[in-house]
Amino acid sequence: MSKADLVAGVLMFGVTLYAVFAGADFGAGFWSMVAGKGESATRARKLIDWAIGPVWEANHVWLIFVIVIMWAAFPTTFASIWSTLFIPLSLAVFGIIIRGSGFAFHEVVSKERNRHITEALFGIASFLTPFFFGTVVGAIASGRVPIGNAQGDAITSWLNPLSILTGFLFVATSAYLAAAFLISDARRAERPDMEEYFARRALVASAVTGAIAFATFFVLNSQASYVFDRLTSQALPLVVVSAVCGIGALVILVRGGRKYIRPLAVAAVVTVVWGWAVAQFPYLLPESLTISGCGTDASLTMVLIVFVIAALLVIPSIGLLYTLDQRSLLGERLKGPDEPGPT
């Protein structure tokens, strides 16, 4: 394995963590958006706020990690992607900002009308951000990002059937992850009604995700043949594992079970992310720019050194944050609808 391959693995490490944890956060915003009105909707939104409140901003550490690694180690890839796909990437970044503002302010605004507006911004941005990230992945996989500064078409590179389907796949996957996480969070908060509420939504989201993935698979064959061919050969074991985990979670949900839903959902997402990486290997930009063709030896060495230092400092800190959160040691306990507290 070359030094460039090691750095590419580090890059995928960050992509994987962002896909799982930020994906679950985006999905939580999606469920907040579609919750509707009434007591159940209020209880669901309160659970979402309580569950993601301590960690939602920390999850963007992994996005920053990915951007810095790509910029430092693979500058040609970075420039090619960001200059061709500046529209969806800018919209995704804008969505992150709007989403954060909506979430930060919706509990502190005094007027009910303003609270509804901030909640709507939080939900809509939670839908659009993973969608635009998905269109970027679809554009890269289909070879619509050529090497060079702004060499690809700024519109058709991401507005095409594969990119649009991939965008919806990202949204559906985020919703599925969030529902799986919120089932466990409802149990942690001792809210059995919310366990059932999000179990039903996880069931729907898993079916929708599977349907979109199935459709994407066939479009991939016509628009990204290199990735499709490797996805059905070298990466096939990972695809199978992802499908088994997804079906396993679906069976458990249908039978009324709740245990193992979260790890199965995470495993399904992680294996499909790495399946995509294996299918695209050894290219960063399929059939035009390989991993070995990017970055200097000095920059790759420095990135690996910095990664080791960052891993020793950041990963334990983030791990401690997640542990304290899952043990309900951060913030107040979730208040019931008749107890004093923000609504």
Protein backbone atom coordinates (compact mmCIF):
# COMPACT_ATOMS: atom_id res chain seq x y z
CA MET A 1 0.00 0.00 0.00
CA SER A 2 1.40 3.39 -1.02
CA LYS A 3 1.53 6.50 1.12
CA ALA A 4 -1.16 8.04 -1.09
CA ASP A 5 -3.41 5.03 -0.47
CA LEU A 6 -2.95 5.47 3.29
CA VAL A 7 -3.97 9.12 3.07
CA ALA A 8 -6.97 8.16 0.92
CA GLY A 9 -7.92 5.74 3.68
CA VAL A 10 -7.65 8.55 6.23
CA LEU A 11 -9.90 10.65 3.98
CA MET A 12 -12.50 7.87 3.84
CA PHE A 13 -12.29 7.53 7.63
CA GLY A 14 -13.48 11.13 7.93
CA VAL A 15 -16.12 10.69 5.20
CA THR A 16 -17.50 7.64 7.00
CA LEU A 17 -17.80 9.35 10.37
CA TYR A 18 -19.44 12.39 8.80
CA ALA A 19 -21.86 10.21 6.85
CA VAL A 20 -22.97 8.41 10.01
CA PHE A 21 -23.09 11.12 12.66
CA ALA A 22 -23.93 14.17 10.59
CA GLY A 23 -26.28 12.03 8.53
CA ALA A 24 -28.21 11.14 11.67
CA ASP A 25 -28.37 14.81 12.61
CA PHE A 26 -29.67 15.82 9.18
CA GLY A 27 -32.24 13.06 9.39
CA ALA A 28 -33.40 14.33 12.78
CA GLY A 29 -34.06 17.70 11.19
CA PHE A 30 -36.00 15.97 8.42
CA TRP A 31 -38.26 14.25 10.97
CA SER A 32 -38.75 17.57 12.73
CA MET A 33 -39.82 19.12 9.43
CA VAL A 34 -42.42 16.44 8.61
CA ALA A 35 -43.71 15.91 12.17
CA GLY A 36 -46.72 18.10 11.54
CA LYS A 37 -48.80 19.51 14.39
CA GLY A 38 -50.30 18.17 17.59
CA GLU A 39 -49.05 16.66 20.81
CA SER A 40 -47.11 13.81 19.17
CA ALA A 41 -45.30 16.27 16.92
CA THR A 42 -44.39 18.44 19.90
CA ARG A 43 -43.10 15.44 21.85
CA ALA A 44 -41.10 14.25 18.84
CA ARG A 45 -39.47 17.64 18.35
CA LYS A 46 -38.62 17.87 22.05
CA LEU A 47 -36.96 14.46 21.88
CA ILE A 48 -35.01 15.49 18.77
CA ASP A 49 -33.81 18.69 20.45
CA TRP A 50 -32.80 16.78 23.57
CA ALA A 51 -31.05 14.00 21.64
CA ILE A 52 -28.93 16.05 19.25
CA GLY A 53 -28.48 19.20 21.35
CA PRO A 54 -25.13 18.25 22.97
CA VAL A 55 -23.49 16.83 19.83
CA TRP A 56 -24.97 18.33 16.65
CA GLU A 57 -22.31 21.00 16.14
CA ALA A 58 -19.41 18.70 17.05
CA ASN A 59 -20.24 16.39 14.15
CA HIS A 60 -19.07 19.01 11.63
CA VAL A 61 -15.54 18.37 12.86
CA TRP A 62 -15.49 15.47 10.41
CA LEU A 63 -16.49 17.68 7.47
CA ILE A 64 -13.68 20.10 8.28
CA PHE A 65 -11.36 17.10 8.60
CA VAL A 66 -12.33 15.85 5.11
CA ILE A 67 -11.95 19.28 3.49
CA VAL A 68 -8.52 19.91 5.02
CA ILE A 69 -7.21 16.43 4.12
CA MET A 70 -8.37 16.75 0.52
CA TRP A 71 -7.00 20.28 0.17
CA ALA A 72 -3.60 19.39 1.67
CA ALA A 73 -3.06 15.92 0.21
CA PHE A 74 -4.98 15.97 -3.07
CA PRO A 75 -5.02 19.61 -4.24
CA THR A 76 -5.77 18.80 -7.89
CA THR A 77 -8.83 16.79 -6.87
CA PHE A 78 -9.89 19.51 -4.45
CA ALA A 79 -9.63 22.24 -7.09
CA SER A 80 -11.39 20.18 -9.75
CA ILE A 81 -14.33 19.25 -7.52
CA TRP A 82 -14.88 22.62 -5.89
CA SER A 83 -14.53 24.64 -9.10
CA THR A 84 -16.88 22.44 -11.15
CA LEU A 85 -19.39 21.69 -8.38
CA PHE A 86 -19.32 25.07 -6.66
CA ILE A 87 -23.11 25.45 -6.94
CA PRO A 88 -24.23 22.33 -4.99
CA LEU A 89 -21.29 22.62 -2.58
CA SER A 90 -22.09 26.28 -1.86
CA LEU A 91 -25.76 25.40 -1.36
CA ALA A 92 -24.78 22.57 1.02
CA VAL A 93 -22.56 24.89 3.06
CA PHE A 94 -25.28 27.52 3.08
CA GLY A 95 -27.70 24.83 4.26
CA ILE A 96 -25.40 23.96 7.17
CA ILE A 97 -25.34 27.62 8.23
CA ILE A 98 -29.12 28.07 7.96
CA ARG A 99 -29.73 24.76 9.71
CA GLY A 100 -27.46 25.72 12.58
CA SER A 101 -29.11 29.12 12.94
CA GLY A 102 -32.57 27.59 12.94
CA PHE A 103 -31.66 25.02 15.57
CA ALA A 104 -29.80 27.49 17.77
CA PHE A 105 -32.59 30.07 17.84
CA HIS A 106 -35.81 28.07 17.76
CA GLU A 107 -35.90 27.48 21.52
CA VAL A 108 -34.95 31.00 22.57
CA VAL A 109 -37.18 33.15 20.36
CA SER A 110 -40.09 34.62 22.30
CA LYS A 111 -42.81 34.72 19.66
CA GLU A 112 -44.49 31.50 18.53
CA ARG A 113 -44.53 32.64 14.89
CA ASN A 114 -40.76 33.17 14.95
CA ARG A 115 -40.25 29.78 16.55
CA HIS A 116 -42.18 28.14 13.73
CA ILE A 117 -40.02 29.99 11.19
CA THR A 118 -36.77 28.85 12.82
CA GLU A 119 -38.06 25.29 13.09
CA ALA A 120 -38.95 25.37 9.39
CA LEU A 121 -35.47 26.65 8.49
CA PHE A 122 -33.92 23.86 10.56
CA GLY A 123 -36.03 21.22 8.84
CA ILE A 124 -35.77 22.46 5.25
CA ALA A 125 -32.00 22.94 5.50
CA SER A 126 -31.69 19.46 7.02
CA PHE A 127 -33.32 18.11 3.86
CA LEU A 128 -31.43 20.21 1.32
CA THR A 129 -27.92 19.83 2.76
CA PRO A 130 -27.60 16.04 2.38
CA PHE A 131 -29.40 16.29 -0.94
CA PHE A 132 -26.76 18.62 -2.39
CA PHE A 133 -23.95 16.54 -0.92
CA GLY A 134 -25.50 13.54 -2.66
CA THR A 135 -25.56 15.32 -6.01
CA VAL A 136 -21.84 15.99 -5.60
CA VAL A 137 -21.11 12.29 -5.03
CA GLY A 138 -23.23 11.37 -8.04
CA ALA A 139 -21.36 13.87 -10.21
CA ILE A 140 -17.98 12.50 -9.14
CA ALA A 141 -18.98 8.85 -9.58
CA SER A 142 -20.33 9.47 -13.07
CA GLY A 143 -17.09 11.10 -14.24
CA ARG A 144 -18.62 14.54 -14.75
CA VAL A 145 -15.79 16.28 -12.90
CA PRO A 146 -12.80 16.56 -15.27
CA ILE A 147 -9.30 17.48 -14.13
CA GLY A 148 -8.59 21.19 -13.91
CA ASN A 149 -10.04 24.45 -12.70
CA ALA A 150 -13.73 24.77 -13.65
CA GLN A 151 -13.37 22.33 -16.54
CA GLY A 152 -16.73 20.66 -15.97
CA ASP A 153 -20.19 22.03 -16.72
CA ALA A 154 -21.43 23.98 -13.70
CA ILE A 155 -25.04 22.83 -14.22
CA THR A 156 -25.24 19.44 -15.93
CA SER A 157 -22.40 18.05 -13.80
CA TRP A 158 -24.82 17.73 -10.86
CA LEU A 159 -28.25 18.16 -12.46
CA ASN A 160 -28.59 14.72 -14.02
CA PRO A 161 -30.53 11.54 -13.15
CA LEU A 162 -27.71 9.84 -11.21
CA SER A 163 -26.88 12.92 -9.13
CA ILE A 164 -30.54 13.64 -8.35
CA LEU A 165 -31.17 10.04 -7.31
CA THR A 166 -28.02 10.02 -5.19
CA GLY A 167 -29.20 13.23 -3.54
CA PHE A 168 -32.51 11.65 -2.58
CA LEU A 169 -30.66 8.52 -1.46
CA PHE A 170 -28.60 10.65 0.93
CA VAL A 171 -31.76 12.24 2.33
CA ALA A 172 -33.51 8.87 2.78
CA THR A 173 -30.43 7.32 4.38
CA SER A 174 -30.15 10.24 6.79
CA ALA A 175 -33.80 9.86 7.75
CA TYR A 176 -33.33 6.14 8.31
CA LEU A 177 -30.22 6.66 10.45
CA ALA A 178 -31.93 9.35 12.50
CA ALA A 179 -35.00 7.21 13.17
CA ALA A 180 -32.78 4.31 14.27
CA PHE A 181 -30.82 6.59 16.60
CA LEU A 182 -33.96 8.23 17.98
CA ILE A 183 -35.46 4.85 18.90
CA SER A 184 -32.54 4.36 21.28
CA ASP A 185 -32.72 7.96 22.46
CA ALA A 186 -36.42 7.55 23.25
CA ARG A 187 -35.60 4.50 25.35
CA ARG A 188 -32.83 6.44 27.10
CA ALA A 189 -35.32 9.24 27.80
CA GLU A 190 -37.95 6.73 29.01
CA ARG A 191 -40.44 7.70 26.31
CA PRO A 192 -42.01 4.42 25.09
CA ASP A 193 -44.52 6.30 22.94
CA MET A 194 -41.64 7.95 21.06
CA GLU A 195 -39.93 4.57 20.66
CA GLU A 196 -42.98 3.37 18.78
CA TYR A 197 -43.28 6.70 16.92
CA PHE A 198 -39.76 6.51 15.51
CA ALA A 199 -39.88 2.75 14.98
CA ARG A 200 -42.72 3.28 12.51
CA ARG A 201 -40.73 5.98 10.76
CA ALA A 202 -37.61 3.83 10.66
CA LEU A 203 -39.67 1.13 8.98
CA VAL A 204 -40.92 3.53 6.31
CA ALA A 205 -37.50 5.13 5.84
CA SER A 206 -35.78 1.76 5.42
CA ALA A 207 -38.23 0.75 2.70
CA VAL A 208 -37.87 4.09 0.88
CA THR A 209 -34.08 3.96 1.16
CA GLY A 210 -34.02 0.46 -0.29
CA ALA A 211 -36.26 1.48 -3.19
CA ILE A 212 -34.14 4.52 -4.04
CA ALA A 213 -30.92 2.49 -3.74
CA PHE A 214 -32.38 -0.09 -6.13
CA ALA A 215 -33.25 2.61 -8.68
CA THR A 216 -29.84 4.26 -8.27
CA PHE A 217 -28.13 0.94 -8.90
CA PHE A 218 -29.67 0.65 -12.36
CA VAL A 219 -29.00 4.27 -13.31
CA LEU A 220 -25.41 3.76 -12.17
CA ASN A 221 -25.03 1.06 -14.82
CA SER A 222 -25.72 3.51 -17.63
CA GLN A 223 -24.09 6.66 -16.25
CA ALA A 224 -21.14 5.40 -14.19
CA SER A 225 -20.10 2.10 -15.76
CA TYR A 226 -16.68 1.93 -14.10
CA VAL A 227 -18.12 2.30 -10.61
CA PHE A 228 -21.00 -0.05 -11.43
CA ASP A 229 -18.69 -2.78 -12.75
CA ARG A 230 -16.54 -2.70 -9.62
CA LEU A 231 -19.56 -2.39 -7.36
CA THR A 232 -20.79 -5.69 -8.76
CA SER A 233 -17.38 -7.37 -8.45
CA GLN A 234 -14.67 -6.15 -6.06
CA ALA A 235 -17.08 -4.20 -3.85
CA LEU A 236 -19.89 -6.78 -3.99
CA PRO A 237 -19.17 -8.31 -0.54
CA LEU A 238 -19.61 -4.89 1.09
CA VAL A 239 -22.83 -4.30 -0.85
CA VAL A 240 -24.14 -7.67 0.31
CA VAL A 241 -23.26 -6.93 3.95
CA SER A 242 -25.03 -3.58 3.68
CA ALA A 243 -28.13 -5.23 2.22
CA VAL A 244 -28.12 -7.95 4.91
CA CYS A 245 -27.86 -5.34 7.68
CA GLY A 246 -30.66 -3.30 6.15
CA ILE A 247 -32.93 -6.32 5.72
CA GLY A 248 -32.08 -7.51 9.22
CA ALA A 249 -33.10 -4.18 10.72
CA LEU A 250 -36.29 -4.22 8.64
CA VAL A 251 -37.21 -7.71 9.90
CA ILE A 252 -36.59 -6.68 13.51
CA LEU A 253 -38.78 -3.60 13.08
CA VAL A 254 -41.60 -5.58 11.44
CA ARG A 255 -41.53 -8.04 14.33
CA GLY A 256 -41.75 -5.23 16.86
CA GLY A 257 -38.16 -5.46 18.06
CA ARG A 258 -35.99 -2.51 18.99
CA LYS A 259 -32.65 -4.03 19.98
CA TYR A 260 -29.75 -3.89 17.50
CA ILE A 261 -31.54 -1.40 15.22
CA ARG A 262 -28.92 1.32 15.70
CA PRO A 263 -25.81 -0.87 15.11
CA LEU A 264 -27.45 -2.51 12.09
CA ALA A 265 -28.33 0.88 10.60
CA VAL A 266 -24.79 2.16 11.16
CA ALA A 267 -23.27 -1.01 9.69
CA ALA A 268 -25.49 -0.72 6.60
CA VAL A 269 -24.35 2.85 5.98
CA VAL A 270 -20.66 2.24 6.75
CA THR A 271 -20.43 -0.74 4.40
CA VAL A 272 -22.14 1.07 1.54
CA VAL A 273 -19.79 4.06 1.97
CA TRP A 274 -16.77 1.80 1.83
CA GLY A 275 -18.34 -0.15 -1.01
CA TRP A 276 -18.43 3.08 -3.01
CA ALA A 277 -14.78 3.74 -2.10
CA VAL A 278 -13.71 0.27 -3.26
CA ALA A 279 -15.77 0.63 -6.45
CA GLN A 280 -14.09 3.92 -7.30
CA PHE A 281 -10.55 2.77 -6.41
CA PRO A 282 -7.89 3.64 -7.55
CA TYR A 283 -9.50 6.83 -8.83
CA LEU A 284 -10.35 10.01 -6.99
CA LEU A 285 -12.00 11.22 -10.19
CA PRO A 286 -13.12 8.06 -12.00
CA GLU A 287 -11.08 7.14 -15.05
CA SER A 288 -9.21 10.46 -15.12
CA LEU A 289 -7.29 11.05 -11.87
CA THR A 290 -5.86 8.28 -9.69
CA ILE A 291 -4.92 8.43 -6.04
CA SER A 292 -1.24 7.97 -6.88
CA GLY A 293 -1.38 10.87 -9.32
CA CYS A 294 -2.17 13.42 -6.60
CA GLY A 295 -0.14 15.07 -3.90
CA THR A 296 3.59 15.30 -3.24
CA ASP A 297 5.48 12.93 -1.01
CA ALA A 298 6.20 15.72 1.48
CA SER A 299 2.55 16.79 1.73
CA LEU A 300 1.36 13.19 2.14
CA THR A 301 3.89 12.59 4.91
CA MET A 302 2.85 15.75 6.72
CA VAL A 303 -0.84 14.82 6.47
CA LEU A 304 -0.17 11.40 8.01
CA ILE A 305 1.84 12.95 10.86
CA VAL A 306 -0.87 15.52 11.57
CA PHE A 307 -3.54 12.81 11.40
CA VAL A 308 -1.77 10.76 14.09
CA ILE A 309 -1.52 13.83 16.34
CA ALA A 310 -5.14 14.79 15.67
CA ALA A 311 -6.30 11.23 16.28
CA LEU A 312 -4.63 11.22 19.69
CA LEU A 313 -6.24 14.54 20.63
CA VAL A 314 -9.57 14.73 18.84
CA ILE A 315 -10.87 11.16 18.70
CA PRO A 316 -10.73 10.57 22.51
CA SER A 317 -12.39 13.96 23.07
CA ILE A 318 -15.20 13.27 20.62
CA GLY A 319 -15.53 9.76 22.01
CA LEU A 320 -15.89 11.16 25.53
CA LEU A 321 -18.52 13.61 24.32
CA TYR A 322 -20.58 10.84 22.70
CA THR A 323 -20.18 8.61 25.77
CA LEU A 324 -21.33 11.30 28.18
CA ASP A 325 -24.23 12.12 25.90
CA GLN A 326 -25.39 8.51 25.60
CA ARG A 327 -25.22 8.15 29.37
CA SER A 328 -27.42 11.25 29.72
CA LEU A 329 -24.73 13.11 31.65
CA LEU A 330 -24.92 16.24 29.51
CA GLY A 331 -27.69 18.78 30.00
CA GLU A 332 -31.01 18.27 31.76
CA ARG A 333 -33.25 15.27 31.53
CA LEU A 334 -36.01 15.39 28.94
CA LYS A 335 -39.06 17.05 30.45
CA GLY A 336 -42.57 15.79 29.85
CA PRO A 337 -45.27 17.88 28.17
CA ASP A 338 -46.75 18.92 31.53
CA GLU A 339 -43.45 19.83 33.11
CA PRO A 340 -41.91 23.30 32.95
CA GLY A 341 -39.37 23.76 30.22
CA PRO A 342 -39.05 24.96 26.61
CA THR A 343 -41.57 23.61 24.13
